[in-house]
Protein backbone atom coordinates (compact mmCIF):
# COMPACT_ATOMS: atom_id res chain seq x y z
CA MET A 1 -116.23 19.60 169.38
CA PRO A 2 -117.92 21.22 166.02
CA VAL A 3 -120.76 19.07 165.27
CA LEU A 4 -121.10 18.85 161.48
CA TYR A 5 -124.01 17.06 159.63
CA PHE A 6 -123.60 16.12 156.26
CA THR A 7 -126.54 15.06 153.45
CA VAL A 8 -126.30 13.26 150.64
CA THR A 9 -128.97 11.08 148.39
CA THR A 10 -126.54 8.01 147.71
CA ASP A 11 -126.47 4.52 149.92
CA LEU A 12 -123.22 5.54 151.89
CA THR A 13 -121.50 2.19 151.44
CA TYR A 14 -120.14 3.39 148.31
CA ASP A 15 -119.34 7.06 148.45
CA GLN A 16 -116.11 7.15 148.40
CA ARG A 17 -115.62 11.47 148.04
CA MET A 18 -117.56 11.20 151.78
CA ILE A 19 -116.51 8.53 152.86
CA ARG A 20 -112.61 10.25 152.51
CA ILE A 21 -114.37 13.52 153.73
CA CYS A 22 -115.95 12.60 156.75
CA THR A 23 -112.93 10.59 157.61
CA SER A 24 -110.55 13.19 157.47
CA LEU A 25 -112.88 16.05 159.62
CA ALA A 26 -113.52 12.91 162.31
CA ASN A 27 -109.85 12.04 162.83
CA ALA A 28 -109.53 16.08 162.80
CA GLY A 29 -111.88 16.19 166.15
CA TYR A 30 -115.16 17.10 164.34
CA ASP A 31 -118.17 15.48 165.34
CA VAL A 32 -119.45 14.06 162.07
CA THR A 33 -123.04 12.29 161.24
CA LEU A 34 -123.07 11.84 157.06
CA VAL A 35 -126.69 11.04 156.28
CA GLY A 36 -127.81 9.20 153.31
CA ARG A 37 -130.36 7.19 151.83
CA LYS A 38 -131.33 3.40 152.58
CA LYS A 39 -133.15 1.00 149.85
CA ARG A 40 -134.24 -2.24 149.58
CA ASP A 41 -130.91 -3.81 148.80
CA SER A 42 -128.62 -1.73 150.64
CA ALA A 43 -125.72 -3.23 152.32
CA PRO A 44 -125.27 -3.22 156.19
CA ILE A 45 -123.46 0.05 157.47
CA ALA A 46 -119.85 -0.61 157.91
CA ALA A 47 -117.41 0.54 160.78
CA MET A 48 -116.47 4.41 160.36
CA PRO A 49 -114.44 7.13 162.50
CA TYR A 50 -117.61 8.91 162.37
CA LYS A 51 -121.88 8.36 162.35
CA GLN A 52 -124.03 7.12 159.53
CA LYS A 53 -127.37 7.74 159.31
CA ARG A 54 -129.70 6.27 156.64
CA ILE A 55 -133.08 7.11 155.55
CA PRO A 56 -135.67 4.61 154.49
CA CYS A 57 -137.98 5.83 151.55
CA PHE A 58 -141.13 4.29 150.48
CA PHE A 59 -140.09 5.34 146.64
CA GLU A 60 -137.03 5.18 145.61
CA THR A 61 -136.32 6.56 142.27
CA GLY A 62 -138.10 9.20 140.25
CA LYS A 63 -139.75 13.08 141.50
CA MET A 64 -141.63 11.13 144.44
CA PHE A 65 -138.53 9.91 145.63
CA TYR A 66 -136.96 12.98 145.79
CA LEU A 67 -140.10 14.81 147.91
CA GLU A 68 -140.34 11.96 150.12
CA TYR A 69 -135.94 11.79 150.72
CA ASN A 70 -136.26 15.70 151.35
CA LEU A 71 -139.29 15.94 153.64
CA ARG A 72 -137.96 13.14 156.00
CA LEU A 73 -134.26 14.45 155.77
CA PHE A 74 -135.95 18.18 157.08
CA PHE A 75 -137.40 16.40 159.63
CA TYR A 76 -134.30 13.97 160.95
CA LEU A 77 -132.37 17.08 160.85
CA LEU A 78 -134.19 19.64 162.33
CA PHE A 79 -134.13 17.87 165.71
CA LYS A 80 -130.49 17.69 165.49
CA LYS A 81 -127.88 19.28 167.99
CA MET A 82 -125.13 20.56 165.26
CA ASP A 83 -122.32 23.69 165.00
CA GLY A 84 -122.54 23.60 160.70
CA ILE A 85 -124.75 21.54 158.01
CA CYS A 86 -122.96 20.24 154.62
CA ALA A 87 -125.57 19.68 151.57
CA ILE A 88 -123.75 17.52 149.08
CA ASP A 89 -124.92 18.59 145.57
CA LEU A 90 -128.43 19.91 144.98
CA ASP A 91 -130.54 17.11 145.31
CA THR A 92 -130.26 17.71 149.49
CA ILE A 93 -130.06 21.56 149.52
CA LEU A 94 -133.52 22.30 150.38
CA PRO A 95 -133.70 20.69 153.41
CA VAL A 96 -130.43 22.10 154.38
CA TYR A 97 -131.09 25.34 153.32
CA TYR A 98 -134.17 25.65 155.70
CA VAL A 99 -133.08 23.54 158.52
CA SER A 100 -129.56 25.88 158.62
CA ARG A 101 -132.03 29.03 158.73
CA LEU A 102 -134.47 27.73 161.78
CA LYS A 103 -131.52 26.97 163.54
CA LYS A 104 -129.33 29.51 162.89
CA VAL A 105 -126.33 27.33 162.53
CA LYS A 106 -123.72 27.78 159.30
CA ARG A 107 -124.64 26.26 155.99
CA ILE A 108 -121.72 24.97 153.31
CA TYR A 109 -122.56 23.68 149.87
CA ASP A 110 -120.39 21.14 148.58
CA ALA A 111 -120.86 21.02 145.07
CA HIS A 112 -119.32 17.53 143.43
CA GLU A 113 -120.42 18.99 139.96
CA LEU A 114 -122.50 21.72 138.22
CA PHE A 115 -125.70 19.79 138.98
CA CYS A 116 -128.15 21.74 136.55
CA GLU A 117 -125.59 20.66 133.68
CA MET A 118 -125.60 17.02 134.19
CA LYS A 119 -126.75 15.50 130.90
CA GLU A 120 -129.70 13.70 132.35
CA ILE A 121 -130.64 17.16 133.57
CA VAL A 122 -129.81 19.81 131.14
CA THR A 123 -131.68 17.78 127.90
CA ARG A 124 -134.92 17.66 129.86
CA PRO A 125 -136.36 21.44 129.82
CA ASN A 126 -138.94 21.13 132.73
CA ILE A 127 -136.76 19.08 134.88
CA TYR A 128 -133.67 21.64 134.19
CA LYS A 129 -136.40 24.28 134.91
CA ALA A 130 -136.97 23.00 138.43
CA TRP A 131 -133.81 22.22 139.53
CA LYS A 132 -132.39 25.57 138.36
CA TYR A 133 -135.25 27.22 140.20
CA ILE A 134 -133.69 25.76 143.43
CA GLU A 135 -130.37 26.07 142.70
CA ARG A 136 -131.29 30.16 142.19
CA LYS A 137 -133.15 30.22 144.99
CA THR A 138 -130.57 28.64 147.49
CA VAL A 139 -127.09 28.79 146.60
CA PRO A 140 -126.31 32.54 146.92
CA HIS A 141 -127.42 32.00 150.56
CA PHE A 142 -124.30 29.66 151.17
CA LYS A 143 -121.86 31.78 152.53
CA TYR A 144 -119.44 28.78 152.42
CA GLY A 145 -119.16 26.32 149.40
CA TYR A 146 -116.34 24.38 147.64
CA THR A 147 -116.18 22.06 144.63
CA VAL A 148 -113.99 20.01 142.73
CA ASN A 149 -112.04 22.05 140.36
CA GLN A 150 -111.58 26.10 139.24
CA PRO A 151 -113.97 26.06 136.20
CA ILE A 152 -116.79 24.66 138.56
CA ALA A 153 -116.07 27.49 141.09
CA ASP A 154 -115.93 30.33 138.07
CA GLU A 155 -119.19 29.00 137.03
CA PHE A 156 -120.56 29.82 140.23
CA ARG A 157 -118.73 33.21 140.66
CA LYS A 158 -120.21 33.80 137.67
CA MET A 159 -123.87 32.91 138.28
CA TYR A 160 -124.45 33.76 141.67
CA GLY A 161 -120.74 35.78 142.71
CA SER A 162 -120.32 33.28 144.94
CA ASP A 163 -116.72 32.40 146.08
CA PHE A 164 -115.82 28.61 146.15
CA GLY A 165 -113.11 26.72 147.22
CA ILE A 166 -111.14 24.08 145.44
CA ILE A 167 -111.07 20.31 147.32
CA ARG A 168 -110.78 17.71 144.80
CA SER A 169 -112.03 14.13 144.44
CA ILE A 170 -108.29 12.33 145.12
CA ALA A 171 -107.80 8.63 146.15
CA LEU A 172 -105.87 8.06 149.54
CA TYR A 173 -102.21 7.15 148.77
CA ASP A 174 -101.12 3.36 149.43
CA ALA A 175 -98.09 2.19 147.71
CA SER A 176 -98.80 -1.14 148.22
CA LEU A 177 -101.36 -0.90 145.12
CA GLN A 178 -98.38 -0.96 142.81
CA GLN A 179 -97.45 -4.44 143.71
CA LYS A 180 -100.83 -6.00 141.94
CA GLU A 181 -100.50 -8.11 138.94
CA LYS A 182 -102.02 -6.65 135.71
CA GLU A 183 -104.52 -8.83 133.91
CA LYS A 184 -105.49 -7.57 130.16
CA PHE A 185 -108.50 -5.78 131.24
CA ILE A 186 -110.29 -2.39 130.47
CA LEU A 187 -112.12 -1.09 133.57
CA TYR A 188 -114.78 1.16 134.09
CA GLN A 189 -115.50 1.97 137.66
CA GLY A 190 -118.27 4.74 139.34
CA ALA A 191 -121.73 5.60 138.14
CA VAL A 192 -123.18 4.21 135.45
CA ASN A 193 -124.92 7.10 134.50
CA GLU A 194 -125.69 9.15 131.56
CA GLY A 195 -123.50 11.40 129.77
CA ARG A 196 -120.41 8.30 130.34
CA SER A 197 -120.43 7.45 126.62
CA PHE A 198 -121.61 3.96 127.37
CA GLU A 199 -123.08 4.05 123.75
CA THR A 200 -120.26 4.29 122.18
CA LEU A 201 -117.77 2.56 123.99
CA ILE A 202 -119.84 -0.45 123.98
CA PRO A 203 -119.92 -1.01 120.36
CA ALA A 204 -116.08 -0.21 120.47
CA MET A 205 -115.85 -3.48 122.25
CA LEU A 206 -116.63 -5.19 119.19
CA GLN A 207 -113.21 -3.89 117.58
CA VAL A 208 -110.93 -4.37 120.75
CA ASN A 209 -109.35 -7.93 121.84
CA ALA A 210 -109.70 -7.63 126.04
CA LYS A 211 -113.11 -7.81 128.16
CA LEU A 212 -114.49 -4.70 129.07
CA LYS A 213 -115.25 -4.92 133.04
CA ILE A 214 -118.03 -2.22 134.82
CA TYR A 215 -117.92 -1.87 138.24
CA GLY A 216 -121.05 0.33 139.44
CA LYS A 217 -124.77 1.30 139.16
CA GLY A 218 -126.74 4.25 138.16
CA ASN A 219 -129.29 5.50 136.02
CA PHE A 220 -128.17 4.06 132.85
CA PHE A 221 -127.77 0.64 134.15
CA GLU A 222 -130.41 -0.91 132.25
CA GLN A 223 -129.70 0.82 128.78
CA VAL A 224 -126.08 -0.51 129.11
CA LYS A 225 -127.81 -4.11 129.89
CA GLN A 226 -129.39 -3.42 126.22
CA LEU A 227 -126.51 -2.13 124.70
CA ILE A 228 -124.72 -5.37 125.74
CA LYS A 229 -127.26 -7.45 124.39
CA ASP A 230 -127.84 -5.04 120.93
CA TYR A 231 -124.38 -5.13 120.26
CA LYS A 232 -123.81 -8.79 120.93
CA VAL A 233 -120.39 -8.30 123.38
CA GLU A 234 -121.96 -10.68 126.52
CA ASP A 235 -118.70 -12.51 126.28
CA LYS A 236 -116.64 -9.16 126.17
CA VAL A 237 -118.13 -6.93 128.53
CA GLU A 238 -119.10 -7.80 132.18
CA LEU A 239 -121.50 -5.55 134.43
CA LEU A 240 -120.67 -6.16 137.80
CA GLY A 241 -122.50 -3.57 140.12
CA PHE A 242 -121.63 -2.02 143.00
CA VAL A 243 -118.24 -3.38 145.23
CA VAL A 244 -117.49 -2.04 148.33
CA PRO A 245 -114.78 0.43 148.32
CA GLN A 246 -112.34 -1.81 149.89
CA GLU A 247 -112.57 -4.68 147.32
CA LEU A 248 -112.76 -2.48 144.72
CA LYS A 249 -109.31 -0.79 145.51
CA GLN A 250 -107.91 -4.54 145.29
CA ILE A 251 -109.53 -5.02 141.75
CA THR A 252 -108.36 -1.53 140.30
CA PRO A 253 -104.80 -2.17 140.11
CA GLN A 254 -105.23 -5.26 138.59
CA ALA A 255 -106.92 -3.19 135.70
CA TYR A 256 -104.38 -3.23 132.54
CA ILE A 257 -106.27 -0.02 131.10
CA ALA A 258 -109.30 1.61 132.44
CA VAL A 259 -111.68 4.77 130.77
CA THR A 260 -112.46 8.01 131.72
CA LEU A 261 -115.14 9.18 129.19
CA PHE A 262 -117.83 11.83 129.20
CA GLU A 263 -120.32 13.09 126.50
CA GLN A 264 -119.72 17.09 125.93
CA THR A 265 -123.46 17.39 126.32
CA GLY A 266 -123.54 19.88 129.20
CA LEU A 267 -120.94 21.71 130.83
CA ASN A 268 -120.61 19.51 133.85
CA GLN A 269 -119.09 16.79 131.37
CA PHE A 270 -117.02 19.21 129.57
CA TYR A 271 -115.50 20.61 133.25
CA SER A 272 -115.89 17.59 135.30
CA LEU A 273 -112.84 16.18 137.39
CA SER A 274 -113.69 12.37 138.41
CA ASN A 275 -113.00 10.51 141.53
CA ARG A 276 -111.89 7.50 138.60
CA PHE A 277 -109.37 9.26 137.18
CA PHE A 278 -107.51 9.65 140.42
CA ASP A 279 -108.33 6.05 141.53
CA TYR A 280 -106.74 5.05 138.32
CA ILE A 281 -103.81 7.33 138.85
CA MET A 282 -103.25 5.78 142.28
CA ALA A 283 -103.57 1.84 141.24
CA ALA A 284 -101.04 2.58 138.41
CA VAL A 285 -103.42 2.34 135.69
CA PRO A 286 -103.16 4.02 132.58
CA GLN A 287 -106.33 5.38 131.10
CA VAL A 288 -107.94 6.31 127.80
CA CYS A 289 -109.16 9.48 128.82
CA VAL A 290 -110.83 12.50 127.16
CA ASN A 291 -109.18 15.87 126.65
CA TYR A 292 -111.43 18.19 128.93
CA PRO A 293 -109.93 21.43 130.48
CA GLU A 294 -109.46 19.82 134.32
CA TYR A 295 -108.05 16.29 132.73
CA LYS A 296 -105.55 18.01 129.99
CA THR A 297 -104.01 20.42 132.54
CA ILE A 298 -103.13 17.38 135.25
CA ASN A 299 -101.90 15.23 132.37
CA ASP A 300 -99.86 17.76 130.66
CA ALA A 301 -98.18 17.86 133.71
CA HIS A 302 -97.94 13.98 134.42
CA ASN A 303 -98.08 12.41 131.35
CA ILE A 304 -100.42 9.48 132.91
CA ALA A 305 -103.27 9.48 130.10
CA LEU A 306 -103.77 8.49 126.56
CA MET A 307 -106.07 11.95 125.73
CA ILE A 308 -108.61 11.32 123.04
CA ASP A 309 -110.37 14.46 121.54
CA ASN A 310 -113.70 12.78 121.29
CA THR A 311 -115.95 9.61 121.93
CA SER A 312 -116.85 8.30 118.56
CA ILE A 313 -116.45 4.54 118.78
CA GLU A 314 -113.70 4.41 116.44
CA THR A 315 -111.54 7.21 118.48
CA ILE A 316 -112.29 4.77 121.66
CA ALA A 317 -111.49 1.59 119.80
CA ASP A 318 -108.10 3.32 118.39
CA ALA A 319 -106.97 4.08 121.54
CA LEU A 320 -107.80 1.32 123.70
CA ASN A 321 -105.86 -0.91 121.14
CA ARG A 322 -103.34 1.50 121.09
CA LEU A 323 -102.63 0.89 124.41
CA LEU A 324 -103.00 -2.51 124.72
CA ASN A 325 -100.44 -2.99 121.85
CA ASP A 326 -98.03 -0.71 122.32
CA GLN A 327 -95.93 -2.22 125.50
CA SER A 328 -93.67 0.38 125.72
CA LEU A 329 -96.35 3.57 125.85
CA HIS A 330 -98.34 1.62 128.62
CA GLU A 331 -95.08 0.83 130.63
CA HIS A 332 -94.52 4.78 130.33
CA LEU A 333 -98.25 5.94 131.61
CA ARG A 334 -97.64 3.64 134.59
CA GLN A 335 -94.49 4.73 135.32
CA ASN A 336 -95.40 8.27 135.32
CA CYS A 337 -98.77 7.60 137.37
CA VAL A 338 -96.34 6.09 140.06
CA ILE A 339 -94.37 9.18 140.24
CA ALA A 340 -98.00 11.56 139.92
CA ARG A 341 -99.90 9.45 143.03
CA GLY A 342 -96.79 11.02 145.12
CA LEU A 343 -98.23 14.20 144.54
CA LEU A 344 -101.95 13.80 143.80
CA ASN A 345 -103.50 11.78 146.64
CA TRP A 346 -105.77 12.48 149.21
CA GLN A 347 -103.16 13.15 152.46
CA GLU A 348 -102.12 16.28 150.77
CA GLU A 349 -105.64 17.16 149.69
CA GLU A 350 -107.16 16.73 153.18
CA LYS A 351 -105.00 19.84 154.55
CA ILE A 352 -106.83 21.81 152.34
CA LEU A 353 -110.12 20.70 153.78
CA ILE A 354 -109.37 20.39 157.62
CA GLU A 355 -108.31 24.02 156.84
CA PHE A 356 -111.81 25.22 155.14
CA TYR A 357 -113.63 23.73 157.89
CA LYS A 358 -111.39 25.33 160.51
CA ARG A 359 -111.96 28.93 159.18
CA ILE A 360 -115.45 28.27 159.25
CA SER A 361 -115.34 27.19 163.04
CA ASP A 362 -113.58 30.06 163.96
CA GLN A 363 -115.86 32.64 162.81
């Protein structure tokens, strides 16, 4: 039974992509351990078909957190028996790179995104230089890698000559979600991070006769709190924080509309293909979505979203109001979601994942 370790900087409880990946590989016969961080307010770890390890740190944010966590992760991994080790994004790649060299085991890079092109990095020159240096020194030495879509894979090939596979972050098929009754609220779920258009979504709610519910936390959470106060929309916008995946799975189908919004600052946003986009489809929730390449390709094939060309206040408000008021359009998109999720589901996507790791194990 091949022994695999996966490394993240997230709290394991809420990382739905990694829960799916590790569960699928464990069910396929791999001995899987997912390693993440333990925060002071971390919820207890739920039982999973794979092993879990959370590393506590004195620092919880900033440069000192990354330094401390990577050092702790290095020494934790160094004394573990393994056949392969996978770094999830650039923020855990250094310990994975050095441990895999010292132990002479296979190393894999799972790039959820173009890390250096995230808004919070690409707009800060010194931080960008540091992460880009790490990327240039490590990524070309990873023989095996995969990412969430072809444009990001093309970027890695262009930059480093790396040949990345494609494994998308798609939700598990669950027909029961269709039976949930809709409520007239708008949903955002996922990381509350920079670059997600909160600066325009929050004021847009002044023009929309519905409530916005935000499930998640991230590096822009406090700023969103302030935006809600500044625009005096406390009665229209609820910040509900993290919710465990099983609970969120029951909440999502109740939404009338959802949003997938990204600013165009940085290639990462432009080439994104987010988990929530597929979660909304699986829950049969029509969404307002940015008209960026990967979303457009899927929507052209399935017509499950109302696409917008920019994330200005007026554009977001107009799109939300159109979906709220045009019952025929809403029902058309909802029915298309029901059809699309028969093709766009993790049960199909995990076949690619399992084949990818089987090829590595066979080499």
